[in-house]
Amino acid sequence: MTPDAVIPPAGRPSTAMAADCHGDVCITCSDVAVAVRIRELVAGRLAVVDTDSGPEEVSVALVDAAAGDVVLVHAKEAIAVVEKAQ
């Protein structure tokens, strides 16, 4: 069985099709995460971060981050700490 195989409910393997990308955007991989620096932590597991558009509030519920850290943010959610503050 190949890694792309799917076991349907009947138990017979079938080959899964790779996602088709059409045009300039692939719906499954077009989103990107952005590295931003945390300006300050605020209540509710939120943080104010510096972006190219100015300060924005994002969730830091999934990471152990502090002011000054650089985090990777996707969909207003910090998903990784990429650089700890000195």
Protein backbone atom coordinates (compact mmCIF):
# COMPACT_ATOMS: atom_id res chain seq x y z
CA MET A 1 0.00 0.00 0.00
CA THR A 2 1.35 3.44 -0.88
CA PRO A 3 1.50 6.34 1.62
CA ASP A 4 -1.29 8.03 -0.37
CA ALA A 5 -3.63 5.09 0.03
CA VAL A 6 -6.89 5.48 1.87
CA ILE A 7 -8.82 2.65 3.47
CA PRO A 8 -12.50 3.15 2.65
CA PRO A 9 -15.15 1.84 5.06
CA ALA A 10 -15.46 -1.43 3.11
CA GLY A 11 -11.80 -2.16 3.91
CA ARG A 12 -10.58 -2.10 0.31
CA PRO A 13 -7.64 0.25 -0.38
CA SER A 14 -8.05 3.02 -2.92
CA THR A 15 -5.52 5.56 -4.12
CA ALA A 16 -6.05 9.06 -2.75
CA MET A 17 -5.60 11.85 -5.22
CA ALA A 18 -3.14 14.64 -4.47
CA ALA A 19 -4.69 18.08 -4.03
CA ASP A 20 -5.07 19.83 -7.36
CA CYS A 21 -3.73 23.38 -7.48
CA HIS A 22 -5.26 25.57 -10.15
CA GLY A 23 -4.26 29.12 -11.02
CA ASP A 24 -1.99 31.18 -8.80
CA VAL A 25 -3.28 29.95 -5.43
CA CYS A 26 -3.43 26.50 -3.89
CA ILE A 27 -6.24 26.38 -1.35
CA THR A 28 -4.34 23.92 0.88
CA CYS A 29 -0.92 25.57 0.95
CA SER A 30 -1.36 29.24 0.10
CA ASP A 31 -1.58 30.45 3.69
CA VAL A 32 1.66 31.56 5.28
CA ALA A 33 2.85 32.20 8.80
CA VAL A 34 4.65 35.46 9.60
CA ALA A 35 7.45 36.02 12.10
CA VAL A 36 6.67 38.95 14.44
CA ARG A 37 8.14 40.29 17.68
CA ILE A 38 5.99 40.37 20.82
CA ARG A 39 5.68 43.90 22.15
CA GLU A 40 3.77 42.97 25.33
CA LEU A 41 1.67 40.20 26.82
CA VAL A 42 -1.91 41.10 27.73
CA ALA A 43 -4.72 39.31 29.59
CA GLY A 44 -6.38 36.24 28.13
CA ARG A 45 -3.22 34.60 26.70
CA LEU A 46 -2.97 37.38 24.14
CA ALA A 47 -0.04 39.49 23.01
CA VAL A 48 0.47 42.72 21.13
CA VAL A 49 2.94 42.15 18.29
CA ASP A 50 4.69 44.45 15.85
CA THR A 51 3.68 43.87 12.22
CA ASP A 52 4.38 45.73 8.99
CA SER A 53 0.88 47.23 9.34
CA GLY A 54 1.42 48.30 12.95
CA PRO A 55 0.62 46.64 16.29
CA GLU A 56 -1.84 43.73 16.29
CA GLU A 57 -3.24 41.47 18.99
CA VAL A 58 -2.68 37.72 18.58
CA SER A 59 -3.21 34.62 20.70
CA VAL A 60 -0.19 33.07 22.41
CA ALA A 61 -2.17 30.23 23.98
CA LEU A 62 -0.23 27.54 22.09
CA VAL A 63 3.30 28.75 22.88
CA ASP A 64 5.43 29.67 25.88
CA ALA A 65 6.43 33.18 24.82
CA ALA A 66 7.45 36.43 26.49
CA ALA A 67 7.79 40.07 25.52
CA GLY A 68 10.67 40.47 23.07
CA ASP A 69 10.36 36.95 21.65
CA VAL A 70 9.84 36.43 17.94
CA VAL A 71 6.93 34.12 17.20
CA LEU A 72 5.55 32.58 14.04
CA VAL A 73 1.91 33.66 13.65
CA HIS A 74 -0.74 32.11 11.41
CA ALA A 75 -4.38 33.23 11.46
CA LYS A 76 -3.78 35.43 14.53
CA GLU A 77 -2.39 32.45 16.48
CA ALA A 78 1.26 32.15 17.53
CA ILE A 79 2.27 28.63 16.52
CA ALA A 80 5.99 28.62 17.40
CA VAL A 81 8.67 30.64 19.14
CA VAL A 82 11.50 31.15 16.65
CA GLU A 83 13.72 33.43 18.74
CA LYS A 84 13.81 34.02 22.50
CA ALA A 85 14.48 37.54 23.79
CA GLN A 86 17.97 38.18 25.11
